[in-house]
């Protein structure tokens, strides 16, 4: 009985060993086969990693990225792989090669992507370009890859100036007020500096010009009103009838920071008409004349009364 038990144990051990050996051979064989036939690897790249588009209020801006597609670990029996490319971006993007074929030579293939940024796009906008690729070979699963790059927008500078009443009529030695509207037609926040461009000539003629604010920040597609105070000459001139031009100059500080000189001018017109004598108040003069006339009439009345009585 002991001998039979030993024989049975040896047979069971042998069967287990055979089963384990067959399992090991079955698992190892695919690994060897996979090592002999690796899955192709698709790699995409974009250069440079970032570009800046230059737009205006009427013209779009475009940037061009260079790309490379590479297929590695391509060997027999798979000797041909077809790669399909697609692009995604917040702005229109065009790729010059949507399909390319790779063979065992494994040489990289070049492609280009053009991104068109619409006119007047804000300089605050940042776009991401993504190129996606699918590599397909007979008998193999789909292989994917992607690459990305960034598009920024350069700020451009444009302003306009207007007024609801560019012509003012005022008497000598009086104040008048005008309002100008400064519009930011650029594509980003800008700081504008204001000054009277012909202030020296106006000062010689004894005009006083005061701008409410000499610097103002205005965002894209917005405008702000600036008050201008004008005082005509104080000296006696007899009857005045003058026509003066006040030139307001507005300069973009952001443009200057970018080594660009950009400014615009706007003319306000002042028509000075009337008479002014220093220290002469027309209202007080009228009252004084009225009192004198009344006083004379009273005196005449009293004198005439005395004559009647006598």
C-alpha atoms as a PDB file:
ATOM      1  CA  UNK A   1       0.000   0.000   0.000  1.00  0.00           C
ATOM      2  CA  UNK A   2       2.852   2.390   0.758  1.00  0.00           C
ATOM      3  CA  UNK A   3       4.459   1.756  -2.619  1.00  0.00           C
ATOM      4  CA  UNK A   4       1.176   2.418  -4.436  1.00  0.00           C
ATOM      5  CA  UNK A   5       0.707   5.694  -2.584  1.00  0.00           C
ATOM      6  CA  UNK A   6       4.178   6.807  -3.610  1.00  0.00           C
ATOM      7  CA  UNK A   7       3.493   5.984  -7.257  1.00  0.00           C
ATOM      8  CA  UNK A   8       0.262   7.953  -7.204  1.00  0.00           C
ATOM      9  CA  UNK A   9       2.039  10.963  -5.652  1.00  0.00           C
ATOM     10  CA  UNK A  10       4.789  10.881  -8.270  1.00  0.00           C
ATOM     11  CA  UNK A  11       2.244  10.722 -11.067  1.00  0.00           C
ATOM     12  CA  UNK A  12       0.349  13.729  -9.674  1.00  0.00           C
ATOM     13  CA  UNK A  13       3.546  15.718  -9.301  1.00  0.00           C
ATOM     14  CA  UNK A  14       4.508  14.908 -12.878  1.00  0.00           C
ATOM     15  CA  UNK A  15       1.097  16.009 -14.183  1.00  0.00           C
ATOM     16  CA  UNK A  16       1.312  19.315 -12.326  1.00  0.00           C
ATOM     17  CA  UNK A  17       4.814  19.922 -13.676  1.00  0.00           C
ATOM     18  CA  UNK A  18       3.659  19.204 -17.225  1.00  0.00           C
ATOM     19  CA  UNK A  19       0.737  21.596 -16.874  1.00  0.00           C
ATOM     20  CA  UNK A  20       2.934  24.371 -15.484  1.00  0.00           C
ATOM     21  CA  UNK A  21       5.463  23.853 -18.262  1.00  0.00           C
ATOM     22  CA  UNK A  22       2.783  24.045 -20.952  1.00  0.00           C
ATOM     23  CA  UNK A  23       1.381  27.248 -19.424  1.00  0.00           C
ATOM     24  CA  UNK A  24       4.836  28.843 -19.309  1.00  0.00           C
ATOM     25  CA  UNK A  25       5.502  27.950 -22.932  1.00  0.00           C
ATOM     26  CA  UNK A  26       2.078  29.330 -23.956  1.00  0.00           C
ATOM     27  CA  UNK A  27       2.709  32.646 -22.210  1.00  0.00           C
ATOM     28  CA  UNK A  28       6.309  33.047 -23.225  1.00  0.00           C
ATOM     29  CA  UNK A  29       5.642  32.443 -26.911  1.00  0.00           C
ATOM     30  CA  UNK A  30       3.470  35.566 -27.432  1.00  0.00           C
ATOM     31  CA  UNK A  31       6.053  37.661 -25.566  1.00  0.00           C
ATOM     32  CA  UNK A  32       8.758  36.483 -27.865  1.00  0.00           C
ATOM     33  CA  UNK A  33       6.503  37.085 -30.848  1.00  0.00           C
ATOM     34  CA  UNK A  34       5.645  40.592 -29.557  1.00  0.00           C
ATOM     35  CA  UNK A  35       9.304  41.340 -29.082  1.00  0.00           C
ATOM     36  CA  UNK A  36       9.946  40.316 -32.653  1.00  0.00           C
ATOM     37  CA  UNK A  37       6.988  42.396 -33.917  1.00  0.00           C
ATOM     38  CA  UNK A  38       6.685  45.586 -31.753  1.00  0.00           C
ATOM     39  CA  UNK A  39       3.690  47.923 -32.102  1.00  0.00           C
ATOM     40  CA  UNK A  40       4.575  51.115 -34.103  1.00  0.00           C
ATOM     41  CA  UNK A  41       4.910  54.355 -32.113  1.00  0.00           C
ATOM     42  CA  UNK A  42       3.605  57.665 -33.549  1.00  0.00           C
ATOM     43  CA  UNK A  43       5.215  60.935 -32.400  1.00  0.00           C
ATOM     44  CA  UNK A  44       4.059  64.466 -33.336  1.00  0.00           C
ATOM     45  CA  UNK A  45       5.768  67.798 -32.630  1.00  0.00           C
ATOM     46  CA  UNK A  46       5.121  71.507 -33.371  1.00  0.00           C
ATOM     47  CA  UNK A  47       7.666  74.299 -33.674  1.00  0.00           C
ATOM     48  CA  UNK A  48       7.920  76.905 -32.290  1.00  0.00           C
ATOM     49  CA  UNK A  49       5.857  76.259 -29.171  1.00  0.00           C
ATOM     50  CA  UNK A  50       4.342  79.779 -29.301  1.00  0.00           C
ATOM     51  CA  UNK A  51       3.682  82.431 -31.958  1.00  0.00           C
ATOM     52  CA  UNK A  52       2.091  85.895 -31.843  1.00  0.00           C
ATOM     53  CA  UNK A  53      -0.455  87.050 -34.417  1.00  0.00           C
ATOM     54  CA  UNK A  54      -0.608  90.693 -35.482  1.00  0.00           C
ATOM     55  CA  UNK A  55      -4.078  91.970 -36.325  1.00  0.00           C
ATOM     56  CA  UNK A  56      -5.651  95.377 -36.923  1.00  0.00           C
ATOM     57  CA  UNK A  57      -9.208  96.615 -36.707  1.00  0.00           C
ATOM     58  CA  UNK A  58      -9.736  95.584 -40.338  1.00  0.00           C
ATOM     59  CA  UNK A  59      -7.059  93.001 -41.222  1.00  0.00           C
ATOM     60  CA  UNK A  60      -6.647  89.474 -39.860  1.00  0.00           C
ATOM     61  CA  UNK A  61      -3.330  88.057 -38.706  1.00  0.00           C
ATOM     62  CA  UNK A  62      -1.906  84.612 -39.457  1.00  0.00           C
ATOM     63  CA  UNK A  63       0.813  82.441 -37.960  1.00  0.00           C
ATOM     64  CA  UNK A  64       2.411  79.280 -39.396  1.00  0.00           C
ATOM     65  CA  UNK A  65       3.691  76.372 -37.307  1.00  0.00           C
ATOM     66  CA  UNK A  66       6.045  73.690 -38.595  1.00  0.00           C
ATOM     67  CA  UNK A  67       5.364  70.123 -37.531  1.00  0.00           C
ATOM     68  CA  UNK A  68       7.011  66.717 -37.708  1.00  0.00           C
ATOM     69  CA  UNK A  69       5.445  63.271 -37.656  1.00  0.00           C
ATOM     70  CA  UNK A  70       7.585  60.203 -36.889  1.00  0.00           C
ATOM     71  CA  UNK A  71       6.698  56.510 -36.795  1.00  0.00           C
ATOM     72  CA  UNK A  72       9.126  54.274 -34.880  1.00  0.00           C
ATOM     73  CA  UNK A  73       9.339  50.511 -34.269  1.00  0.00           C
ATOM     74  CA  UNK A  74       7.983  49.768 -37.696  1.00  0.00           C
ATOM     75  CA  UNK A  75       9.191  46.344 -38.874  1.00  0.00           C
ATOM     76  CA  UNK A  76       8.076  43.206 -40.705  1.00  0.00           C
ATOM     77  CA  UNK A  77       5.460  41.914 -41.125  1.00  0.00           C
ATOM     78  CA  UNK A  78       4.022  45.476 -40.735  1.00  0.00           C
ATOM     79  CA  UNK A  79       5.863  47.522 -43.343  1.00  0.00           C
ATOM     80  CA  UNK A  80       3.373  50.311 -44.028  1.00  0.00           C
ATOM     81  CA  UNK A  81       1.488  52.704 -41.736  1.00  0.00           C
ATOM     82  CA  UNK A  82      -0.966  55.436 -42.766  1.00  0.00           C
ATOM     83  CA  UNK A  83      -1.114  58.493 -40.531  1.00  0.00           C
ATOM     84  CA  UNK A  84      -4.123  60.858 -40.577  1.00  0.00           C
ATOM     85  CA  UNK A  85      -3.802  64.341 -39.024  1.00  0.00           C
ATOM     86  CA  UNK A  86      -6.474  66.764 -37.797  1.00  0.00           C
ATOM     87  CA  UNK A  87      -6.339  70.174 -36.093  1.00  0.00           C
ATOM     88  CA  UNK A  88      -8.430  71.937 -33.475  1.00  0.00           C
ATOM     89  CA  UNK A  89      -8.231  75.629 -32.518  1.00  0.00           C
ATOM     90  CA  UNK A  90     -10.543  78.453 -31.428  1.00  0.00           C
ATOM     91  CA  UNK A  91      -9.668  80.225 -34.714  1.00  0.00           C
ATOM     92  CA  UNK A  92      -9.640  78.852 -38.283  1.00  0.00           C
ATOM     93  CA  UNK A  93      -6.681  76.483 -38.813  1.00  0.00           C
ATOM     94  CA  UNK A  94      -5.508  74.750 -41.992  1.00  0.00           C
ATOM     95  CA  UNK A  95      -3.056  71.847 -42.261  1.00  0.00           C
ATOM     96  CA  UNK A  96      -1.209  71.323 -45.551  1.00  0.00           C
ATOM     97  CA  UNK A  97      -0.899  67.516 -45.218  1.00  0.00           C
ATOM     98  CA  UNK A  98      -3.784  65.635 -43.695  1.00  0.00           C
ATOM     99  CA  UNK A  99      -2.522  62.154 -44.691  1.00  0.00           C
ATOM    100  CA  UNK A 100       0.950  60.653 -44.933  1.00  0.00           C
ATOM    101  CA  UNK A 101       2.329  57.146 -45.399  1.00  0.00           C
ATOM    102  CA  UNK A 102       5.288  55.683 -43.499  1.00  0.00           C
ATOM    103  CA  UNK A 103       7.376  52.656 -44.433  1.00  0.00           C
ATOM    104  CA  UNK A 104      10.244  50.832 -42.731  1.00  0.00           C
ATOM    105  CA  UNK A 105      12.571  53.739 -43.604  1.00  0.00           C
ATOM    106  CA  UNK A 106      11.181  55.524 -40.483  1.00  0.00           C
ATOM    107  CA  UNK A 107      12.038  58.977 -41.840  1.00  0.00           C
ATOM    108  CA  UNK A 108      10.165  61.907 -40.215  1.00  0.00           C
ATOM    109  CA  UNK A 109       7.713  63.762 -42.432  1.00  0.00           C
ATOM    110  CA  UNK A 110       7.058  67.499 -42.230  1.00  0.00           C
ATOM    111  CA  UNK A 111       3.747  69.337 -42.251  1.00  0.00           C
ATOM    112  CA  UNK A 112       2.624  72.933 -41.664  1.00  0.00           C
ATOM    113  CA  UNK A 113      -0.394  74.425 -39.894  1.00  0.00           C
ATOM    114  CA  UNK A 114      -1.675  77.972 -40.573  1.00  0.00           C
ATOM    115  CA  UNK A 115      -3.873  79.679 -37.995  1.00  0.00           C
ATOM    116  CA  UNK A 116      -5.863  82.782 -39.012  1.00  0.00           C
ATOM    117  CA  UNK A 117      -6.793  85.208 -36.212  1.00  0.00           C
ATOM    118  CA  UNK A 118      -9.799  87.465 -37.090  1.00  0.00           C
ATOM    119  CA  UNK A 119      -9.509  91.281 -37.200  1.00  0.00           C
ATOM    120  CA  UNK A 120      -9.915  93.238 -33.962  1.00  0.00           C
ATOM    121  CA  UNK A 121      -9.331  90.155 -31.803  1.00  0.00           C
ATOM    122  CA  UNK A 122      -8.573  91.229 -28.250  1.00  0.00           C
ATOM    123  CA  UNK A 123      -4.960  91.087 -27.122  1.00  0.00           C
ATOM    124  CA  UNK A 124      -6.265  89.301 -24.024  1.00  0.00           C
ATOM    125  CA  UNK A 125      -7.207  86.252 -26.092  1.00  0.00           C
ATOM    126  CA  UNK A 126      -4.895  83.206 -26.046  1.00  0.00           C
ATOM    127  CA  UNK A 127      -5.513  80.310 -28.415  1.00  0.00           C
ATOM    128  CA  UNK A 128      -4.282  76.721 -28.269  1.00  0.00           C
ATOM    129  CA  UNK A 129      -3.545  74.764 -31.440  1.00  0.00           C
ATOM    130  CA  UNK A 130      -3.719  70.969 -31.164  1.00  0.00           C
ATOM    131  CA  UNK A 131      -2.667  68.556 -33.901  1.00  0.00           C
ATOM    132  CA  UNK A 132      -3.961  65.004 -33.444  1.00  0.00           C
ATOM    133  CA  UNK A 133      -2.730  61.989 -35.373  1.00  0.00           C
ATOM    134  CA  UNK A 134      -4.017  58.445 -35.921  1.00  0.00           C
ATOM    135  CA  UNK A 135      -1.658  55.733 -37.206  1.00  0.00           C
ATOM    136  CA  UNK A 136      -3.291  52.687 -38.778  1.00  0.00           C
ATOM    137  CA  UNK A 137      -1.655  49.493 -40.056  1.00  0.00           C
ATOM    138  CA  UNK A 138      -3.288  46.238 -41.202  1.00  0.00           C
ATOM    139  CA  UNK A 139      -3.892  43.879 -38.310  1.00  0.00           C
ATOM    140  CA  UNK A 140      -2.889  46.393 -35.623  1.00  0.00           C
ATOM    141  CA  UNK A 141      -4.890  48.531 -33.253  1.00  0.00           C
ATOM    142  CA  UNK A 142      -5.123  52.278 -33.855  1.00  0.00           C
ATOM    143  CA  UNK A 143      -2.137  54.261 -32.529  1.00  0.00           C
ATOM    144  CA  UNK A 144      -2.683  57.914 -31.538  1.00  0.00           C
ATOM    145  CA  UNK A 145      -0.573  60.959 -30.667  1.00  0.00           C
ATOM    146  CA  UNK A 146      -0.917  64.731 -30.390  1.00  0.00           C
ATOM    147  CA  UNK A 147       1.069  67.985 -30.110  1.00  0.00           C
ATOM    148  CA  UNK A 148       0.094  71.491 -29.019  1.00  0.00           C
ATOM    149  CA  UNK A 149       1.244  75.106 -29.448  1.00  0.00           C
ATOM    150  CA  UNK A 150       0.045  78.510 -28.212  1.00  0.00           C
ATOM    151  CA  UNK A 151      -1.084  81.594 -30.182  1.00  0.00           C
ATOM    152  CA  UNK A 152      -1.118  85.043 -28.568  1.00  0.00           C
ATOM    153  CA  UNK A 153      -2.403  88.300 -30.096  1.00  0.00           C
ATOM    154  CA  UNK A 154      -0.278  91.441 -30.323  1.00  0.00           C
ATOM    155  CA  UNK A 155      -1.880  94.695 -29.210  1.00  0.00           C
ATOM    156  CA  UNK A 156      -2.499  97.297 -31.873  1.00  0.00           C
ATOM    157  CA  UNK A 157      -3.189 100.942 -31.153  1.00  0.00           C
ATOM    158  CA  UNK A 158      -5.957 103.098 -32.573  1.00  0.00           C
ATOM    159  CA  UNK A 159      -8.003 105.967 -31.170  1.00  0.00           C
ATOM    160  CA  UNK A 160     -10.456 108.545 -32.374  1.00  0.00           C
ATOM    161  CA  UNK A 161     -11.648 111.823 -30.867  1.00  0.00           C
ATOM    162  CA  UNK A 162     -14.991 113.555 -31.208  1.00  0.00           C
ATOM    163  CA  UNK A 163     -17.232 116.168 -29.637  1.00  0.00           C
ATOM    164  CA  UNK A 164     -20.926 116.969 -29.635  1.00  0.00           C
ATOM    165  CA  UNK A 165     -20.176 120.700 -29.924  1.00  0.00           C
ATOM    166  CA  UNK A 166     -16.722 121.454 -31.381  1.00  0.00           C
ATOM    167  CA  UNK A 167     -17.595 125.177 -31.882  1.00  0.00           C
ATOM    168  CA  UNK A 168     -18.134 127.439 -28.872  1.00  0.00           C
ATOM    169  CA  UNK A 169     -19.196 131.103 -28.839  1.00  0.00           C
ATOM    170  CA  UNK A 170     -18.208 133.090 -25.769  1.00  0.00           C
ATOM    171  CA  UNK A 171     -17.837 136.702 -24.675  1.00  0.00           C
ATOM    172  CA  UNK A 172     -14.491 138.201 -23.674  1.00  0.00           C
ATOM    173  CA  UNK A 173     -13.345 137.498 -20.094  1.00  0.00           C
ATOM    174  CA  UNK A 174     -15.796 134.631 -19.758  1.00  0.00           C
ATOM    175  CA  UNK A 175     -15.573 130.888 -19.232  1.00  0.00           C
ATOM    176  CA  UNK A 176     -16.893 128.252 -21.538  1.00  0.00           C
ATOM    177  CA  UNK A 177     -16.764 124.492 -21.311  1.00  0.00           C
ATOM    178  CA  UNK A 178     -16.336 121.834 -23.937  1.00  0.00           C
ATOM    179  CA  UNK A 179     -16.376 118.037 -23.839  1.00  0.00           C
ATOM    180  CA  UNK A 180     -14.356 115.711 -26.022  1.00  0.00           C
ATOM    181  CA  UNK A 181     -14.882 111.970 -26.363  1.00  0.00           C
ATOM    182  CA  UNK A 182     -11.813 109.745 -26.605  1.00  0.00           C
ATOM    183  CA  UNK A 183     -12.563 106.353 -28.203  1.00  0.00           C
ATOM    184  CA  UNK A 184     -10.243 103.348 -27.844  1.00  0.00           C
ATOM    185  CA  UNK A 185     -10.512 101.511 -31.158  1.00  0.00           C
ATOM    186  CA  UNK A 186      -7.518  99.295 -30.445  1.00  0.00           C
ATOM    187  CA  UNK A 187      -7.683  95.719 -29.168  1.00  0.00           C
ATOM    188  CA  UNK A 188      -6.604  96.167 -25.557  1.00  0.00           C
ATOM    189  CA  UNK A 189      -6.603  98.388 -22.502  1.00  0.00           C
ATOM    190  CA  UNK A 190      -4.729 101.598 -23.249  1.00  0.00           C
ATOM    191  CA  UNK A 191      -3.615 104.638 -21.283  1.00  0.00           C
ATOM    192  CA  UNK A 192      -4.068 107.934 -23.124  1.00  0.00           C
ATOM    193  CA  UNK A 193      -2.298 111.194 -22.340  1.00  0.00           C
ATOM    194  CA  UNK A 194      -4.001 114.503 -23.196  1.00  0.00           C
ATOM    195  CA  UNK A 195      -2.455 117.924 -23.752  1.00  0.00           C
ATOM    196  CA  UNK A 196      -3.137 121.218 -25.532  1.00  0.00           C
ATOM    197  CA  UNK A 197      -0.748 121.080 -28.453  1.00  0.00           C
ATOM    198  CA  UNK A 198      -0.819 124.834 -29.188  1.00  0.00           C
ATOM    199  CA  UNK A 199      -0.838 125.985 -25.560  1.00  0.00           C
ATOM    200  CA  UNK A 200       2.133 128.380 -26.084  1.00  0.00           C
ATOM    201  CA  UNK A 201       0.329 130.362 -28.762  1.00  0.00           C
ATOM    202  CA  UNK A 202      -2.874 130.458 -26.748  1.00  0.00           C
ATOM    203  CA  UNK A 203      -1.020 131.581 -23.615  1.00  0.00           C
ATOM    204  CA  UNK A 204       0.507 134.485 -25.517  1.00  0.00           C
ATOM    205  CA  UNK A 205      -3.020 135.552 -26.391  1.00  0.00           C
ATOM    206  CA  UNK A 206      -3.974 135.204 -22.708  1.00  0.00           C
ATOM    207  CA  UNK A 207      -6.249 132.211 -23.131  1.00  0.00           C
ATOM    208  CA  UNK A 208      -6.403 129.800 -20.195  1.00  0.00           C
ATOM    209  CA  UNK A 209      -7.124 126.144 -21.103  1.00  0.00           C
ATOM    210  CA  UNK A 210      -7.648 123.494 -18.442  1.00  0.00           C
ATOM    211  CA  UNK A 211      -8.110 119.797 -19.297  1.00  0.00           C
ATOM    212  CA  UNK A 212     -10.044 117.898 -16.656  1.00  0.00           C
ATOM    213  CA  UNK A 213      -7.774 114.842 -16.851  1.00  0.00           C
ATOM    214  CA  UNK A 214      -4.393 114.669 -18.547  1.00  0.00           C
ATOM    215  CA  UNK A 215      -4.293 110.836 -18.443  1.00  0.00           C
ATOM    216  CA  UNK A 216      -7.096 108.319 -18.711  1.00  0.00           C
ATOM    217  CA  UNK A 217      -7.341 104.519 -19.020  1.00  0.00           C
ATOM    218  CA  UNK A 218      -9.817 103.229 -21.587  1.00  0.00           C
ATOM    219  CA  UNK A 219     -10.573  99.596 -22.397  1.00  0.00           C
ATOM    220  CA  UNK A 220     -11.136  98.153 -25.848  1.00  0.00           C
ATOM    221  CA  UNK A 221     -14.286  99.408 -27.638  1.00  0.00           C
ATOM    222  CA  UNK A 222     -15.009 101.944 -24.906  1.00  0.00           C
ATOM    223  CA  UNK A 223     -14.767 105.735 -24.643  1.00  0.00           C
ATOM    224  CA  UNK A 224     -14.570 108.404 -21.967  1.00  0.00           C
ATOM    225  CA  UNK A 225     -15.614 112.047 -21.883  1.00  0.00           C
ATOM    226  CA  UNK A 226     -13.050 114.662 -20.944  1.00  0.00           C
ATOM    227  CA  UNK A 227     -14.111 118.178 -19.890  1.00  0.00           C
ATOM    228  CA  UNK A 228     -12.153 121.150 -21.242  1.00  0.00           C
ATOM    229  CA  UNK A 229     -12.444 124.571 -19.585  1.00  0.00           C
ATOM    230  CA  UNK A 230     -11.671 127.653 -21.703  1.00  0.00           C
ATOM    231  CA  UNK A 231     -11.242 131.192 -20.340  1.00  0.00           C
ATOM    232  CA  UNK A 232     -10.970 134.055 -22.807  1.00  0.00           C
ATOM    233  CA  UNK A 233      -8.539 136.991 -22.281  1.00  0.00           C
ATOM    234  CA  UNK A 234      -9.222 139.353 -19.366  1.00  0.00           C
ATOM    235  CA  UNK A 235      -7.679 142.561 -20.746  1.00  0.00           C
ATOM    236  CA  UNK A 236      -9.720 145.377 -22.295  1.00  0.00           C
ATOM    237  CA  UNK A 237      -9.941 144.975 -26.044  1.00  0.00           C
ATOM    238  CA  UNK A 238     -12.882 147.103 -27.046  1.00  0.00           C
ATOM    239  CA  UNK A 239     -15.189 145.153 -29.245  1.00  0.00           C
ATOM    240  CA  UNK A 240     -13.707 141.697 -29.854  1.00  0.00           C
ATOM    241  CA  UNK A 241     -14.506 139.385 -32.694  1.00  0.00           C
ATOM    242  CA  UNK A 242     -11.866 136.638 -32.713  1.00  0.00           C
ATOM    243  CA  UNK A 243     -11.764 133.078 -33.912  1.00  0.00           C
ATOM    244  CA  UNK A 244      -9.367 130.735 -32.064  1.00  0.00           C
ATOM    245  CA  UNK A 245      -8.410 127.093 -32.563  1.00  0.00           C
ATOM    246  CA  UNK A 246      -7.627 124.857 -29.585  1.00  0.00           C
ATOM    247  CA  UNK A 247      -5.763 121.711 -30.623  1.00  0.00           C
ATOM    248  CA  UNK A 248      -6.074 118.743 -28.262  1.00  0.00           C
ATOM    249  CA  UNK A 249      -3.420 116.043 -28.669  1.00  0.00           C
ATOM    250  CA  UNK A 250      -4.036 112.499 -27.403  1.00  0.00           C
ATOM    251  CA  UNK A 251      -1.121 110.047 -27.199  1.00  0.00           C
ATOM    252  CA  UNK A 252      -1.140 106.299 -26.537  1.00  0.00           C
ATOM    253  CA  UNK A 253       1.152 105.492 -23.620  1.00  0.00           C
ATOM    254  CA  UNK A 254       0.958 101.752 -24.310  1.00  0.00           C
ATOM    255  CA  UNK A 255       2.164 102.325 -27.854  1.00  0.00           C
ATOM    256  CA  UNK A 256       5.112 104.310 -26.534  1.00  0.00           C
ATOM    257  CA  UNK A 257       5.937 101.455 -24.165  1.00  0.00           C
ATOM    258  CA  UNK A 258       6.144  99.254 -27.256  1.00  0.00           C
ATOM    259  CA  UNK A 259       8.506 101.698 -28.981  1.00  0.00           C
ATOM    260  CA  UNK A 260       5.697 103.020 -31.192  1.00  0.00           C
ATOM    261  CA  UNK A 261       4.752 106.691 -31.427  1.00  0.00           C
ATOM    262  CA  UNK A 262       1.002 106.977 -31.946  1.00  0.00           C
ATOM    263  CA  UNK A 263      -1.137 110.076 -31.335  1.00  0.00           C
ATOM    264  CA  UNK A 264      -4.126 111.895 -32.776  1.00  0.00           C
ATOM    265  CA  UNK A 265      -5.187 115.547 -32.723  1.00  0.00           C
ATOM    266  CA  UNK A 266      -8.574 117.164 -32.437  1.00  0.00           C
ATOM    267  CA  UNK A 267      -9.457 120.828 -32.934  1.00  0.00           C
ATOM    268  CA  UNK A 268     -11.997 122.774 -30.896  1.00  0.00           C
ATOM    269  CA  UNK A 269     -13.056 126.189 -32.215  1.00  0.00           C
ATOM    270  CA  UNK A 270     -13.805 129.226 -30.031  1.00  0.00           C
ATOM    271  CA  UNK A 271     -15.521 132.328 -31.354  1.00  0.00           C
ATOM    272  CA  UNK A 272     -14.946 135.317 -29.036  1.00  0.00           C
ATOM    273  CA  UNK A 273     -17.459 138.096 -29.574  1.00  0.00           C
ATOM    274  CA  UNK A 274     -18.338 141.144 -27.467  1.00  0.00           C
ATOM    275  CA  UNK A 275     -16.848 143.931 -25.320  1.00  0.00           C
ATOM    276  CA  UNK A 276     -15.015 143.795 -22.025  1.00  0.00           C
ATOM    277  CA  UNK A 277     -13.615 146.609 -19.843  1.00  0.00           C
ATOM    278  CA  UNK A 278     -11.679 145.461 -16.744  1.00  0.00           C
ATOM    279  CA  UNK A 279     -13.599 146.337 -13.554  1.00  0.00           C
ATOM    280  CA  UNK A 280     -16.672 147.180 -15.595  1.00  0.00           C
ATOM    281  CA  UNK A 281     -19.746 145.260 -14.564  1.00  0.00           C
ATOM    282  CA  UNK A 282     -22.606 145.854 -17.042  1.00  0.00           C
ATOM    283  CA  UNK A 283     -25.309 144.993 -14.512  1.00  0.00           C
ATOM    284  CA  UNK A 284     -24.010 147.355 -11.860  1.00  0.00           C
ATOM    285  CA  UNK A 285     -23.574 150.069 -14.471  1.00  0.00           C
ATOM    286  CA  UNK A 286     -27.199 149.730 -15.568  1.00  0.00           C
ATOM    287  CA  UNK A 287     -28.375 149.939 -11.966  1.00  0.00           C
ATOM    288  CA  UNK A 288     -26.183 152.980 -11.335  1.00  0.00           C
ATOM    289  CA  UNK A 289     -27.475 154.765 -14.442  1.00  0.00           C
ATOM    290  CA  UNK A 290     -31.032 153.975 -13.400  1.00  0.00           C
ATOM    291  CA  UNK A 291     -30.493 155.440  -9.939  1.00  0.00           C
ATOM    292  CA  UNK A 292     -28.962 158.612 -11.391  1.00  0.00           C
ATOM    293  CA  UNK A 293     -31.908 159.071 -13.745  1.00  0.00           C
ATOM    294  CA  UNK A 294     -34.386 158.590 -10.899  1.00  0.00           C
ATOM    295  CA  UNK A 295     -32.453 161.047  -8.701  1.00  0.00           C
ATOM    296  CA  UNK A 296     -32.444 163.699 -11.422  1.00  0.00           C
ATOM    297  CA  UNK A 297     -36.165 163.290 -12.003  1.00  0.00           C
ATOM    298  CA  UNK A 298     -36.842 163.686  -8.286  1.00  0.00           C
ATOM    299  CA  UNK A 299     -34.771 166.867  -8.104  1.00  0.00           C
ATOM    300  CA  UNK A 300     -36.492 168.319 -11.125  1.00  0.00           C
ATOM    301  CA  UNK A 301     -39.846 167.542  -9.587  1.00  0.00           C
ATOM    302  CA  UNK A 302     -38.980 169.304  -6.330  1.00  0.00           C
ATOM    303  CA  UNK A 303     -37.635 172.369  -8.126  1.00  0.00           C
ATOM    304  CA  UNK A 304     -40.768 172.627 -10.219  1.00  0.00           C
ATOM    305  CA  UNK A 305     -42.923 172.300  -7.085  1.00  0.00           C
ATOM    306  CA  UNK A 306     -41.170 175.114  -5.375  1.00  0.00           C
ATOM    307  CA  UNK A 307     -41.759 177.363  -8.339  1.00  0.00           C
ATOM    308  CA  UNK A 308     -45.514 176.694  -8.216  1.00  0.00           C
ATOM    309  CA  UNK A 309     -45.751 177.532  -4.552  1.00  0.00           C
ATOM    310  CA  UNK A 310     -43.904 180.788  -4.905  1.00  0.00           C
END
